[in-house]
């Protein structure tokens, strides 16, 4: 009995140390975000004159209202909308194409299907940055510059998502496909009625990852958008920083940075349970 009590005490001490380490790590990561939020709620003078305040000020509504309605080339609200459309379009496009391509590779028998899969997988070695010049030329020739199609279409192919869905489909028992065939269900009905519901958690996990990927895009939107009304929020934050002897409006810049963080955070928090379940299921 004494031995068991000693083990419980040791385990309890270790648990407290683990939690203490987690709290310190979270505080270390969260502190810069807190400073940015505080800077977005105070006046310019309070930021440029040290020490930096550590508690929020009384300019929250005015600074965020200025951030939403102002911007170097376009209002921040417009850039947020552009980023939202781009991120959702890229996420849904990647998931749709990856689901269908993985379904075809796993459930259809056609010549060189393994070769086609590995050719898709090898595109991981060719990210947008590597093929940016020919991709730009194709988009320009199709007249898609300064458009949502131009922002989304070149980024919707995903070898990683195709690989993950292929691995998941390969774990689905063959008896399900046989039963669907006996019941007279065609391939697409089997896909929509059986495979798609079973892939719900995997889709949710990938949607979060791909949404953040699309939201954080900078180089591609910078290259193909010359119309300020098509700028994304990541571009807008970069444009807000002054050049030369100009003075930065730090409260507005910090407010814009916080606003740019809100949609990805909401997506992660809102889909947290499905994401964790999807990642766990993918590892089985």
Protein backbone atom coordinates (compact mmCIF):
# COMPACT_ATOMS: atom_id res chain seq x y z
CA UNK A 1 0.00 0.00 0.00
CA UNK A 2 2.80 2.43 0.87
CA UNK A 3 4.46 1.58 -2.42
CA UNK A 4 1.26 2.41 -4.31
CA UNK A 5 0.90 5.73 -2.47
CA UNK A 6 4.47 6.60 -3.38
CA UNK A 7 3.79 5.83 -7.04
CA UNK A 8 0.66 7.99 -7.00
CA UNK A 9 2.59 10.85 -5.42
CA UNK A 10 5.36 10.59 -8.02
CA UNK A 11 2.83 10.41 -10.82
CA UNK A 12 0.99 13.43 -9.38
CA UNK A 13 4.20 15.45 -9.16
CA UNK A 14 5.08 14.56 -12.74
CA UNK A 15 1.60 15.55 -13.88
CA UNK A 16 1.95 18.95 -12.22
CA UNK A 17 5.33 19.47 -13.87
CA UNK A 18 3.87 18.58 -17.27
CA UNK A 19 0.99 21.03 -16.79
CA UNK A 20 3.39 23.72 -15.57
CA UNK A 21 5.52 23.25 -18.68
CA UNK A 22 2.43 23.48 -20.90
CA UNK A 23 1.28 26.68 -19.16
CA UNK A 24 4.72 28.28 -19.53
CA UNK A 25 4.87 27.27 -23.19
CA UNK A 26 1.40 28.65 -23.92
CA UNK A 27 2.23 31.90 -22.11
CA UNK A 28 5.47 32.20 -24.09
CA UNK A 29 3.60 31.76 -27.39
CA UNK A 30 0.58 33.86 -26.45
CA UNK A 31 2.49 36.88 -25.05
CA UNK A 32 3.36 38.45 -28.47
CA UNK A 33 -0.28 38.03 -29.55
CA UNK A 34 -1.40 39.75 -26.34
CA UNK A 35 1.01 42.63 -26.99
CA UNK A 36 -0.38 42.99 -30.53
CA UNK A 37 -3.93 43.08 -29.15
CA UNK A 38 -2.97 45.69 -26.52
CA UNK A 39 -1.27 47.77 -29.22
CA UNK A 40 -4.47 47.66 -31.25
CA UNK A 41 -6.46 49.23 -28.40
CA UNK A 42 -4.26 52.21 -27.48
CA UNK A 43 -3.17 55.46 -29.12
CA UNK A 44 -0.07 55.85 -31.26
CA UNK A 45 1.81 57.81 -28.57
CA UNK A 46 1.45 55.00 -26.05
CA UNK A 47 3.18 52.60 -28.44
CA UNK A 48 6.09 54.77 -29.58
CA UNK A 49 6.88 56.01 -26.06
CA UNK A 50 8.26 53.21 -23.86
CA UNK A 51 7.36 51.36 -21.80
CA UNK A 52 4.75 49.52 -23.82
CA UNK A 53 1.45 49.17 -21.90
CA UNK A 54 0.47 45.64 -20.94
CA UNK A 55 -3.26 46.29 -20.44
CA UNK A 56 -5.81 47.13 -23.18
CA UNK A 57 -6.65 50.78 -23.75
CA UNK A 58 -9.88 52.60 -24.51
CA UNK A 59 -9.41 52.92 -28.29
CA UNK A 60 -10.62 49.44 -29.20
CA UNK A 61 -13.68 50.42 -31.24
CA UNK A 62 -12.13 53.44 -32.94
CA UNK A 63 -8.94 51.60 -33.96
CA UNK A 64 -10.78 48.56 -35.29
CA UNK A 65 -13.29 50.75 -37.13
CA UNK A 66 -10.40 52.60 -38.76
CA UNK A 67 -8.73 49.30 -39.62
CA UNK A 68 -11.85 47.89 -41.31
CA UNK A 69 -12.54 51.01 -43.35
CA UNK A 70 -8.98 52.04 -44.18
CA UNK A 71 -6.03 50.50 -45.95
CA UNK A 72 -3.15 51.51 -48.15
CA UNK A 73 -4.76 50.46 -51.45
CA UNK A 74 -8.07 48.88 -50.40
CA UNK A 75 -10.21 48.66 -47.25
CA UNK A 76 -9.23 45.89 -44.86
CA UNK A 77 -12.79 44.53 -44.98
CA UNK A 78 -12.42 44.00 -48.74
CA UNK A 79 -9.06 42.26 -48.32
CA UNK A 80 -10.50 40.02 -45.60
CA UNK A 81 -13.31 39.02 -47.96
CA UNK A 82 -10.82 38.28 -50.75
CA UNK A 83 -8.74 36.11 -48.44
CA UNK A 84 -11.85 34.30 -47.20
CA UNK A 85 -13.04 33.50 -50.74
CA UNK A 86 -9.55 32.39 -51.76
CA UNK A 87 -9.01 30.18 -48.69
CA UNK A 88 -12.42 28.51 -48.92
CA UNK A 89 -12.10 28.02 -52.68
CA UNK A 90 -8.65 26.45 -52.37
CA UNK A 91 -9.76 24.19 -49.49
CA UNK A 92 -12.93 22.92 -51.16
CA UNK A 93 -11.22 22.57 -54.54
CA UNK A 94 -8.31 20.58 -53.16
CA UNK A 95 -10.60 18.30 -51.17
CA UNK A 96 -12.99 17.67 -54.08
CA UNK A 97 -10.24 16.88 -56.59
CA UNK A 98 -8.30 14.77 -54.10
CA UNK A 99 -11.37 12.74 -53.13
CA UNK A 100 -12.23 11.95 -56.73
CA UNK A 101 -8.65 11.18 -57.77
CA UNK A 102 -8.10 8.91 -54.76
CA UNK A 103 -11.44 7.18 -55.44
CA UNK A 104 -10.44 6.54 -59.05
CA UNK A 105 -6.99 5.22 -58.11
CA UNK A 106 -8.29 2.83 -55.43
CA UNK A 107 -11.57 1.54 -56.88
CA UNK A 108 -11.07 1.61 -60.66
CA UNK A 109 -8.85 -0.77 -62.55
CA UNK A 110 -7.13 0.93 -65.48
CA UNK A 111 -3.65 0.60 -67.02
CA UNK A 112 -0.77 2.30 -65.21
CA UNK A 113 -2.94 3.51 -62.34
CA UNK A 114 -0.01 3.13 -59.90
CA UNK A 115 2.14 5.15 -62.27
CA UNK A 116 -0.46 7.91 -62.36
CA UNK A 117 -0.61 7.94 -58.57
CA UNK A 118 3.15 8.32 -58.23
CA UNK A 119 3.17 11.01 -60.89
CA UNK A 120 0.61 12.89 -58.78
CA UNK A 121 2.70 12.29 -55.68
CA UNK A 122 5.85 13.58 -57.41
CA UNK A 123 4.17 16.96 -57.91
CA UNK A 124 5.05 17.59 -54.24
CA UNK A 125 8.48 18.43 -55.64
CA UNK A 126 6.93 21.17 -57.80
CA UNK A 127 5.26 23.74 -55.51
CA UNK A 128 3.86 26.97 -56.91
CA UNK A 129 7.13 28.81 -56.27
CA UNK A 130 9.00 26.43 -58.60
CA UNK A 131 6.50 26.61 -61.49
CA UNK A 132 5.38 30.18 -60.91
CA UNK A 133 6.47 31.60 -64.30
CA UNK A 134 4.66 29.06 -66.55
CA UNK A 135 1.67 29.08 -64.19
CA UNK A 136 1.47 32.86 -64.45
CA UNK A 137 1.68 32.66 -68.24
CA UNK A 138 -1.19 30.15 -68.39
CA UNK A 139 -3.39 32.26 -66.09
CA UNK A 140 -2.58 35.41 -68.07
CA UNK A 141 -3.40 33.71 -71.39
CA UNK A 142 -6.78 32.62 -70.00
CA UNK A 143 -7.50 36.19 -68.87
CA UNK A 144 -7.70 35.26 -65.19
CA UNK A 145 -5.47 37.97 -63.76
CA UNK A 146 -7.17 40.03 -61.03
CA UNK A 147 -9.87 37.40 -60.54
CA UNK A 148 -10.86 34.83 -57.95
CA UNK A 149 -10.42 32.09 -60.54
CA UNK A 150 -6.79 33.14 -60.99
CA UNK A 151 -6.23 33.17 -57.24
CA UNK A 152 -7.79 29.74 -56.66
CA UNK A 153 -7.43 27.43 -59.67
CA UNK A 154 -3.61 27.10 -59.83
CA UNK A 155 -3.54 26.07 -56.14
CA UNK A 156 -6.35 23.51 -55.94
CA UNK A 157 -4.35 20.39 -56.88
CA UNK A 158 -3.01 18.56 -53.82
CA UNK A 159 -0.84 15.46 -53.91
CA UNK A 160 -0.80 15.29 -50.10
CA UNK A 161 -4.59 15.20 -49.80
CA UNK A 162 -4.80 12.64 -52.61
CA UNK A 163 -2.30 10.42 -50.79
CA UNK A 164 -4.15 10.71 -47.46
CA UNK A 165 -7.55 9.89 -49.00
CA UNK A 166 -6.02 6.99 -50.94
CA UNK A 167 -4.59 5.54 -47.73
CA UNK A 168 -7.95 5.89 -46.01
CA UNK A 169 -9.90 4.32 -48.88
CA UNK A 170 -7.52 1.36 -48.85
CA UNK A 171 -8.56 0.65 -45.24
CA UNK A 172 -12.26 0.45 -46.19
CA UNK A 173 -13.31 -3.23 -46.34
CA UNK A 174 -13.85 -4.57 -49.86
CA UNK A 175 -17.10 -6.12 -48.62
CA UNK A 176 -18.70 -2.65 -48.59
CA UNK A 177 -18.01 -2.18 -52.28
CA UNK A 178 -19.24 -5.69 -53.04
CA UNK A 179 -22.43 -5.14 -51.03
CA UNK A 180 -23.08 -1.85 -52.82
CA UNK A 181 -22.56 -3.56 -56.19
CA UNK A 182 -24.98 -6.36 -55.25
CA UNK A 183 -27.58 -3.76 -54.21
CA UNK A 184 -27.28 -2.16 -57.65
CA UNK A 185 -25.45 0.98 -56.53
CA UNK A 186 -23.22 2.51 -59.16
CA UNK A 187 -19.70 3.80 -58.47
CA UNK A 188 -20.77 7.38 -57.82
CA UNK A 189 -23.61 6.35 -55.53
CA UNK A 190 -21.15 4.20 -53.57
CA UNK A 191 -18.86 7.22 -53.40
CA UNK A 192 -21.50 9.70 -52.21
CA UNK A 193 -23.54 7.40 -49.94
CA UNK A 194 -20.76 5.37 -48.30
CA UNK A 195 -17.24 6.72 -48.82
CA UNK A 196 -18.04 10.41 -48.40
CA UNK A 197 -19.80 10.05 -45.00
CA UNK A 198 -17.01 7.79 -43.79
CA UNK A 199 -14.44 10.43 -44.79
CA UNK A 200 -16.10 13.23 -42.81
CA UNK A 201 -13.47 13.51 -40.09
CA UNK A 202 -10.60 13.29 -42.59
CA UNK A 203 -12.22 16.00 -44.69
CA UNK A 204 -12.57 18.23 -41.62
CA UNK A 205 -8.92 17.78 -40.65
CA UNK A 206 -7.73 18.53 -44.17
CA UNK A 207 -10.10 21.50 -44.51
CA UNK A 208 -8.50 23.22 -41.51
CA UNK A 209 -4.97 22.63 -42.79
CA UNK A 210 -5.81 23.71 -46.35
CA UNK A 211 -7.80 26.75 -45.19
CA UNK A 212 -4.78 28.05 -43.28
CA UNK A 213 -2.59 27.27 -46.30
CA UNK A 214 -4.85 29.30 -48.57
CA UNK A 215 -5.28 32.11 -46.06
CA UNK A 216 -1.51 32.60 -45.68
CA UNK A 217 -0.75 32.74 -49.41
CA UNK A 218 1.35 35.80 -50.27
CA UNK A 219 3.59 35.31 -53.31
CA UNK A 220 0.94 34.08 -55.77
CA UNK A 221 -1.67 36.79 -55.00
CA UNK A 222 1.10 39.41 -55.09
CA UNK A 223 2.08 38.26 -58.57
CA UNK A 224 -1.31 38.07 -60.29
CA UNK A 225 -3.24 40.94 -58.65
CA UNK A 226 -2.58 44.46 -59.84
CA UNK A 227 -6.06 45.70 -58.94
CA UNK A 228 -6.03 46.90 -55.29
CA UNK A 229 -9.60 45.61 -54.87
CA UNK A 230 -8.27 42.04 -55.31
CA UNK A 231 -5.55 42.29 -52.65
CA UNK A 232 -5.57 39.74 -49.84
CA UNK A 233 -5.18 40.53 -46.15
CA UNK A 234 -1.62 39.16 -45.99
CA UNK A 235 -0.66 41.53 -48.80
CA UNK A 236 -2.50 44.36 -47.06
CA UNK A 237 -0.55 43.99 -43.82
CA UNK A 238 2.74 44.14 -45.73
CA UNK A 239 1.61 47.25 -47.60
CA UNK A 240 0.75 49.03 -44.36
CA UNK A 241 4.35 49.16 -43.24
CA UNK A 242 5.83 52.53 -44.19
CA UNK A 243 8.71 53.09 -46.55
CA UNK A 244 11.31 55.81 -46.12
CA UNK A 245 10.59 58.40 -43.44
CA UNK A 246 6.84 57.76 -43.27
CA UNK A 247 5.35 57.04 -39.85
CA UNK A 248 3.58 53.76 -39.27
CA UNK A 249 0.07 53.84 -37.85
CA UNK A 250 0.81 51.05 -35.37
CA UNK A 251 -2.65 50.78 -33.75
CA UNK A 252 -4.27 50.22 -37.17
CA UNK A 253 -1.53 47.79 -38.26
CA UNK A 254 -1.91 45.77 -35.07
CA UNK A 255 -5.71 45.82 -35.34
CA UNK A 256 -5.43 44.55 -38.93
CA UNK A 257 -3.06 41.79 -37.80
CA UNK A 258 -5.49 40.67 -35.10
CA UNK A 259 -8.38 40.73 -37.60
CA UNK A 260 -6.30 38.60 -39.99
CA UNK A 261 -5.88 35.99 -37.24
CA UNK A 262 -9.57 35.71 -36.38
CA UNK A 263 -10.90 33.56 -39.30
CA UNK A 264 -8.21 30.83 -39.08
CA UNK A 265 -8.63 30.68 -35.29
CA UNK A 266 -12.42 30.36 -35.62
CA UNK A 267 -12.01 27.57 -38.17
CA UNK A 268 -9.58 25.66 -35.94
CA UNK A 269 -11.69 26.11 -32.78
CA UNK A 270 -14.99 25.36 -34.52
CA UNK A 271 -13.71 22.13 -36.10
CA UNK A 272 -11.40 21.06 -33.29
CA UNK A 273 -13.19 17.82 -32.38
CA UNK A 274 -13.50 16.66 -35.97
CA UNK A 275 -9.87 17.58 -36.65
CA UNK A 276 -8.55 15.56 -33.71
CA UNK A 277 -10.77 12.61 -34.60
CA UNK A 278 -9.69 12.81 -38.24
CA UNK A 279 -5.99 12.89 -37.36
CA UNK A 280 -6.40 9.95 -34.98
CA UNK A 281 -8.37 7.94 -37.55
CA UNK A 282 -5.77 8.71 -40.22
CA UNK A 283 -3.07 7.24 -38.05
CA UNK A 284 -4.80 3.90 -37.60
